[in-house]
């Protein structure tokens, strides 16, 4: 239970990266543990090319990571894999080892409040970014969002280092923000690391001064606050890997939800049309417990295992 609680409070530490010129085998193993590919029970002394139990476990973990990251699946810590591990990404685990059956709100009208602003941009800019980000999700769901000054459903703030949630920030670089999913008895939040340099739609600062665009980070984080996990869909806003807000022509690009994002938010809450037959039954127990089920449909015949982990994908819902 302690492990699961730690995962809850560590959930969605976004865009962490390994600060090194290269990744050692030991760092790679810690990375795989952090993001759920290794459960931490086995020894750290894996041998990538070995034949023992630990080595087999590591190869399978690497293969799962490579599948999630869209890499060639080799089961080896090759250059492509190690390079991917250095890419800025969301700190939320890719493979959750807990039930996500309650990871949705029981109501559609949600409120949020900003408890602490940053000096990097004005409060008006922060409020506009949040409104724009929530509007992106509201456009494809029945959810509504209102900024309030007291008793919010979701708290939002800029903080540095240790800030009371058990997940201290690490200063500029690495972790940019974190959020908490709406698990039962939790109070979801979205925290930005105020040690970062934040901006909104400022192309020059993003390209040349290492500023972080708030909008992309915020849309991704709100996805977690609403109950979405990571996906390996390349065009999804919930893909764990950070994408620049500037395109190859130097233009700012407003982040958009991918097809995968829209399908998953509508699986949880419906599509917002009260006359539509696509609104799902309120069956919050009918969910996949891992984000790779869509890659394992050929294994649905393994009823005992897949009924536990991929109930929705394999149509095992009652």
Protein backbone atom coordinates (compact mmCIF):
# COMPACT_ATOMS: atom_id res chain seq x y z
CA UNK A 1 0.00 0.00 0.00
CA UNK A 2 2.86 2.40 0.77
CA UNK A 3 4.26 1.85 -2.72
CA UNK A 4 0.91 2.67 -4.29
CA UNK A 5 0.51 5.81 -2.18
CA UNK A 6 3.96 6.96 -3.20
CA UNK A 7 2.98 6.41 -6.83
CA UNK A 8 -0.16 8.43 -6.27
CA UNK A 9 1.74 11.39 -4.89
CA UNK A 10 4.49 11.05 -7.45
CA UNK A 11 2.00 10.74 -10.28
CA UNK A 12 2.51 13.13 -13.16
CA UNK A 13 5.91 14.60 -12.33
CA UNK A 14 6.10 15.90 -15.86
CA UNK A 15 9.03 16.14 -18.24
CA UNK A 16 11.84 14.69 -16.16
CA UNK A 17 15.08 13.85 -17.92
CA UNK A 18 18.41 12.27 -17.10
CA UNK A 19 21.09 14.94 -16.80
CA UNK A 20 24.04 13.12 -18.34
CA UNK A 21 25.90 12.91 -21.60
CA UNK A 22 24.98 9.23 -21.75
CA UNK A 23 22.89 6.78 -19.76
CA UNK A 24 24.57 3.95 -17.87
CA UNK A 25 22.95 0.53 -17.53
CA UNK A 26 22.22 1.33 -13.88
CA UNK A 27 20.52 4.60 -14.78
CA UNK A 28 18.52 2.85 -17.46
CA UNK A 29 17.30 0.27 -14.95
CA UNK A 30 16.28 3.01 -12.52
CA UNK A 31 14.43 4.71 -15.38
CA UNK A 32 12.55 1.50 -16.17
CA UNK A 33 11.63 1.11 -12.51
CA UNK A 34 10.48 4.71 -12.19
CA UNK A 35 8.10 4.44 -15.11
CA UNK A 36 6.64 1.06 -14.19
CA UNK A 37 8.45 -1.33 -16.54
CA UNK A 38 10.38 -2.99 -13.69
CA UNK A 39 8.65 -3.58 -10.38
CA UNK A 40 11.75 -3.01 -8.24
CA UNK A 41 11.66 -6.48 -6.67
CA UNK A 42 14.59 -7.81 -8.63
CA UNK A 43 18.25 -7.00 -8.12
CA UNK A 44 19.78 -3.93 -9.73
CA UNK A 45 22.59 -6.12 -11.04
CA UNK A 46 20.98 -7.07 -14.32
CA UNK A 47 23.21 -8.18 -17.16
CA UNK A 48 21.71 -7.02 -20.43
CA UNK A 49 23.21 -9.84 -22.44
CA UNK A 50 22.94 -12.49 -19.74
CA UNK A 51 20.77 -15.58 -19.55
CA UNK A 52 19.57 -15.50 -15.94
CA UNK A 53 16.13 -14.67 -14.57
CA UNK A 54 17.04 -11.05 -13.91
CA UNK A 55 18.38 -10.58 -17.43
CA UNK A 56 15.20 -12.04 -18.93
CA UNK A 57 13.10 -9.67 -16.83
CA UNK A 58 15.19 -6.73 -17.97
CA UNK A 59 14.92 -7.66 -21.64
CA UNK A 60 11.15 -7.86 -21.37
CA UNK A 61 11.06 -4.50 -19.58
CA UNK A 62 13.18 -2.93 -22.31
CA UNK A 63 10.89 -4.41 -24.96
CA UNK A 64 7.83 -2.94 -23.26
CA UNK A 65 9.53 0.44 -23.03
CA UNK A 66 10.58 0.33 -26.67
CA UNK A 67 7.01 -0.51 -27.69
CA UNK A 68 5.63 2.37 -25.66
CA UNK A 69 8.25 4.78 -27.01
CA UNK A 70 7.70 3.78 -30.63
CA UNK A 71 11.20 2.36 -31.06
CA UNK A 72 12.47 -0.74 -32.80
CA UNK A 73 11.90 -3.56 -30.31
CA UNK A 74 15.29 -5.17 -29.68
CA UNK A 75 15.23 -5.87 -25.96
CA UNK A 76 18.65 -4.22 -25.75
CA UNK A 77 19.83 -0.90 -24.34
CA UNK A 78 20.94 0.24 -27.77
CA UNK A 79 21.81 3.82 -28.68
CA UNK A 80 18.28 4.64 -29.85
CA UNK A 81 16.80 3.41 -26.58
CA UNK A 82 19.30 5.24 -24.39
CA UNK A 83 18.79 8.44 -26.37
CA UNK A 84 15.04 8.18 -25.87
CA UNK A 85 15.56 7.82 -22.14
CA UNK A 86 17.26 11.21 -22.11
CA UNK A 87 14.35 12.96 -23.81
CA UNK A 88 12.28 15.29 -21.59
CA UNK A 89 9.05 13.59 -20.67
CA UNK A 90 6.25 13.32 -18.20
CA UNK A 91 7.12 11.71 -14.88
CA UNK A 92 3.81 9.87 -14.60
CA UNK A 93 4.42 6.09 -14.76
CA UNK A 94 3.76 4.53 -18.16
CA UNK A 95 2.66 1.26 -16.55
CA UNK A 96 0.49 1.59 -13.47
CA UNK A 97 0.56 -1.30 -11.03
CA UNK A 98 -2.69 -0.30 -9.34
CA UNK A 99 -6.34 -0.38 -10.25
CA UNK A 100 -7.47 2.68 -12.15
CA UNK A 101 -11.15 1.78 -11.85
CA UNK A 102 -11.99 4.95 -9.91
CA UNK A 103 -9.92 7.36 -11.98
CA UNK A 104 -12.67 9.69 -13.12
CA UNK A 105 -14.74 12.47 -11.66
CA UNK A 106 -18.25 11.62 -10.47
CA UNK A 107 -19.51 14.98 -11.75
CA UNK A 108 -19.09 17.00 -14.93
CA UNK A 109 -19.02 20.56 -13.58
CA UNK A 110 -15.58 21.15 -12.08
CA UNK A 111 -13.99 24.16 -10.45
CA UNK A 112 -10.37 25.18 -10.08
CA UNK A 113 -8.42 27.85 -8.25
CA UNK A 114 -4.91 29.22 -8.59
CA UNK A 115 -3.34 29.31 -5.15
CA UNK A 116 0.01 30.80 -6.16
CA UNK A 117 1.15 32.59 -9.32
CA UNK A 118 4.58 32.99 -10.92
CA UNK A 119 6.61 36.14 -11.56
CA UNK A 120 7.49 34.98 -15.09
CA UNK A 121 4.14 35.97 -16.58
CA UNK A 122 1.21 38.00 -15.29
CA UNK A 123 -1.71 36.48 -13.41
CA UNK A 124 -3.90 37.37 -16.38
CA UNK A 125 -1.69 35.29 -18.67
CA UNK A 126 -1.77 32.31 -16.30
CA UNK A 127 -5.56 32.54 -16.09
CA UNK A 128 -5.81 32.71 -19.89
CA UNK A 129 -3.57 29.66 -20.33
CA UNK A 130 -5.69 27.69 -17.89
CA UNK A 131 -8.92 28.75 -19.58
CA UNK A 132 -7.56 27.86 -23.01
CA UNK A 133 -6.33 24.49 -21.75
CA UNK A 134 -9.56 23.53 -20.02
CA UNK A 135 -11.53 24.69 -23.07
CA UNK A 136 -9.60 22.22 -25.24
CA UNK A 137 -10.88 19.32 -23.11
CA UNK A 138 -14.36 20.80 -22.67
CA UNK A 139 -14.80 21.01 -26.45
CA UNK A 140 -14.86 17.21 -26.78
CA UNK A 141 -16.65 16.23 -23.57
CA UNK A 142 -19.58 17.24 -21.33
CA UNK A 143 -17.14 18.67 -18.78
CA UNK A 144 -17.28 22.30 -17.76
CA UNK A 145 -14.66 24.25 -15.83
CA UNK A 146 -14.95 27.41 -13.77
CA UNK A 147 -12.25 29.37 -11.97
CA UNK A 148 -13.25 30.13 -8.39
CA UNK A 149 -11.61 31.71 -5.37
CA UNK A 150 -12.58 29.17 -2.71
CA UNK A 151 -13.37 25.48 -2.27
CA UNK A 152 -12.15 24.35 -5.71
CA UNK A 153 -12.18 20.79 -6.97
CA UNK A 154 -8.69 21.28 -8.44
CA UNK A 155 -5.91 23.43 -7.00
CA UNK A 156 -3.23 24.94 -9.23
CA UNK A 157 -0.05 26.72 -8.25
CA UNK A 158 3.59 27.53 -8.89
CA UNK A 159 6.01 26.16 -6.30
CA UNK A 160 9.70 25.47 -5.77
CA UNK A 161 11.62 22.64 -4.11
CA UNK A 162 9.66 21.06 -1.23
CA UNK A 163 6.16 22.46 -1.25
CA UNK A 164 4.03 20.24 0.93
CA UNK A 165 2.86 17.45 -1.36
CA UNK A 166 5.70 15.02 -0.73
CA UNK A 167 7.13 15.44 -4.24
CA UNK A 168 9.76 18.22 -4.16
CA UNK A 169 10.76 19.94 -7.36
CA UNK A 170 14.36 19.71 -8.56
CA UNK A 171 15.08 23.23 -9.79
CA UNK A 172 15.43 24.40 -13.37
CA UNK A 173 15.36 21.56 -15.87
CA UNK A 174 14.20 18.00 -15.28
CA UNK A 175 10.74 18.01 -13.71
CA UNK A 176 8.61 20.90 -14.97
CA UNK A 177 5.29 20.19 -13.29
CA UNK A 178 3.24 17.45 -11.72
CA UNK A 179 -0.41 16.62 -11.21
CA UNK A 180 -2.56 14.08 -9.39
CA UNK A 181 -5.25 11.90 -10.91
CA UNK A 182 -8.75 11.98 -9.39
CA UNK A 183 -8.40 8.84 -7.32
CA UNK A 184 -11.03 8.24 -4.66
CA UNK A 185 -10.45 10.40 -1.57
CA UNK A 186 -7.77 12.46 -3.33
CA UNK A 187 -7.67 16.19 -3.98
CA UNK A 188 -6.33 16.57 -7.54
CA UNK A 189 -3.83 19.34 -8.13
CA UNK A 190 -1.57 20.76 -10.80
CA UNK A 191 1.77 22.17 -9.66
CA UNK A 192 4.33 23.94 -11.83
CA UNK A 193 8.00 24.17 -10.83
CA UNK A 194 8.53 27.90 -10.37
CA UNK A 195 12.27 27.42 -10.87
CA UNK A 196 11.52 26.98 -14.56
CA UNK A 197 11.20 29.90 -16.96
CA UNK A 198 7.57 30.06 -18.07
CA UNK A 199 6.08 31.81 -21.08
CA UNK A 200 3.06 31.66 -23.37
CA UNK A 201 3.29 31.77 -27.18
CA UNK A 202 6.60 33.65 -27.06
CA UNK A 203 8.52 32.06 -29.93
CA UNK A 204 11.80 33.86 -29.26
CA UNK A 205 11.91 32.87 -25.60
CA UNK A 206 10.99 29.26 -26.36
CA UNK A 207 13.58 28.89 -29.12
CA UNK A 208 16.46 30.91 -27.74
CA UNK A 209 16.10 31.39 -23.98
CA UNK A 210 15.03 27.94 -22.70
CA UNK A 211 11.59 29.14 -21.68
CA UNK A 212 8.86 26.53 -21.30
CA UNK A 213 5.54 27.08 -23.04
CA UNK A 214 2.83 26.79 -20.43
CA UNK A 215 0.04 25.75 -22.77
CA UNK A 216 1.43 22.39 -23.91
CA UNK A 217 2.40 21.43 -20.35
CA UNK A 218 -0.98 22.49 -18.99
CA UNK A 219 -3.10 20.63 -21.55
CA UNK A 220 -1.12 17.43 -20.85
CA UNK A 221 -1.39 17.86 -17.08
CA UNK A 222 -5.12 18.52 -17.19
CA UNK A 223 -5.47 15.22 -19.02
CA UNK A 224 -4.03 13.52 -15.94
CA UNK A 225 -6.25 15.56 -13.59
CA UNK A 226 -9.26 14.31 -15.56
CA UNK A 227 -8.15 10.68 -15.29
CA UNK A 228 -6.13 9.97 -18.42
CA UNK A 229 -2.91 7.98 -18.39
CA UNK A 230 -0.14 7.87 -20.96
CA UNK A 231 -0.47 6.44 -24.44
CA UNK A 232 2.01 5.41 -27.10
CA UNK A 233 -0.03 7.17 -29.79
CA UNK A 234 2.49 9.49 -31.42
CA UNK A 235 0.08 12.39 -31.98
CA UNK A 236 -1.56 12.20 -28.57
CA UNK A 237 -1.24 15.05 -26.10
CA UNK A 238 -0.96 12.26 -23.50
CA UNK A 239 2.14 10.78 -25.09
CA UNK A 240 4.72 10.97 -22.30
CA UNK A 241 7.36 12.74 -24.39
CA UNK A 242 7.56 16.51 -24.65
CA UNK A 243 7.06 18.12 -28.03
CA UNK A 244 8.06 21.66 -28.88
CA UNK A 245 5.31 24.22 -29.44
CA UNK A 246 7.27 25.59 -32.41
CA UNK A 247 7.03 23.89 -35.81
CA UNK A 248 9.79 23.50 -38.41
CA UNK A 249 8.86 26.86 -39.96
CA UNK A 250 9.29 28.69 -36.67
CA UNK A 251 5.58 29.14 -36.06
CA UNK A 252 3.82 28.66 -32.75
CA UNK A 253 1.44 25.69 -32.83
CA UNK A 254 -1.57 25.47 -30.53
CA UNK A 255 -1.59 21.97 -29.01
CA UNK A 256 -4.42 19.76 -30.19
CA UNK A 257 -5.94 16.60 -28.83
CA UNK A 258 -5.25 13.48 -30.85
CA UNK A 259 -7.87 10.92 -31.80
CA UNK A 260 -6.66 8.72 -28.95
CA UNK A 261 -7.13 11.54 -26.41
CA UNK A 262 -10.65 12.26 -27.61
CA UNK A 263 -11.67 8.61 -27.56
CA UNK A 264 -10.37 8.09 -24.04
CA UNK A 265 -11.89 11.22 -22.50
CA UNK A 266 -15.21 10.29 -24.10
CA UNK A 267 -14.94 6.74 -22.77
CA UNK A 268 -14.83 8.29 -19.30
CA UNK A 269 -17.36 11.10 -19.64
CA UNK A 270 -19.22 10.86 -22.95
CA UNK A 271 -19.06 13.27 -25.86
CA UNK A 272 -21.19 16.09 -24.49
CA UNK A 273 -24.19 15.46 -26.75
CA UNK A 274 -27.17 14.43 -24.56
CA UNK A 275 -28.90 12.90 -27.61
CA UNK A 276 -25.92 10.81 -28.64
CA UNK A 277 -25.85 7.06 -28.15
CA UNK A 278 -22.09 7.25 -27.76
CA UNK A 279 -22.20 8.43 -24.16
CA UNK A 280 -20.91 5.50 -22.11
CA UNK A 281 -22.72 3.75 -19.33
CA UNK A 282 -21.43 4.78 -15.93
CA UNK A 283 -19.32 1.65 -15.54
CA UNK A 284 -16.11 2.95 -14.03
CA UNK A 285 -14.92 -0.61 -13.34
CA UNK A 286 -14.67 -1.35 -17.07
CA UNK A 287 -11.21 0.01 -17.76
CA UNK A 288 -7.83 -1.19 -18.95
CA UNK A 289 -5.24 -1.20 -16.18
CA UNK A 290 -2.21 -0.81 -18.43
CA UNK A 291 -1.66 1.55 -21.39
CA UNK A 292 -0.49 -1.10 -23.86
CA UNK A 293 -3.68 -3.16 -24.19
CA UNK A 294 -4.31 -1.97 -27.73
CA UNK A 295 -1.03 -3.62 -28.71
CA UNK A 296 -2.00 -6.97 -27.20
CA UNK A 297 -5.41 -7.73 -28.72
CA UNK A 298 -4.13 -11.06 -30.05
CA UNK A 299 -3.70 -12.14 -26.42
CA UNK A 300 -7.35 -11.58 -25.46
CA UNK A 301 -7.88 -15.35 -25.52
CA UNK A 302 -5.77 -15.50 -22.37
CA UNK A 303 -8.90 -14.83 -20.38
CA UNK A 304 -7.51 -14.97 -16.85
CA UNK A 305 -4.74 -12.45 -17.47
CA UNK A 306 -6.42 -10.16 -19.98
CA UNK A 307 -9.69 -9.99 -18.05
CA UNK A 308 -7.70 -8.42 -15.23
CA UNK A 309 -5.49 -6.03 -17.17
CA UNK A 310 -7.30 -5.29 -20.47
CA UNK A 311 -10.98 -5.67 -19.65
CA UNK A 312 -12.23 -2.90 -21.95
CA UNK A 313 -10.01 -3.68 -24.94
CA UNK A 314 -10.87 -7.38 -24.86
CA UNK A 315 -14.61 -6.78 -24.31
CA UNK A 316 -14.74 -8.56 -20.96
CA UNK A 317 -17.04 -5.92 -19.48
CA UNK A 318 -20.27 -7.19 -18.03
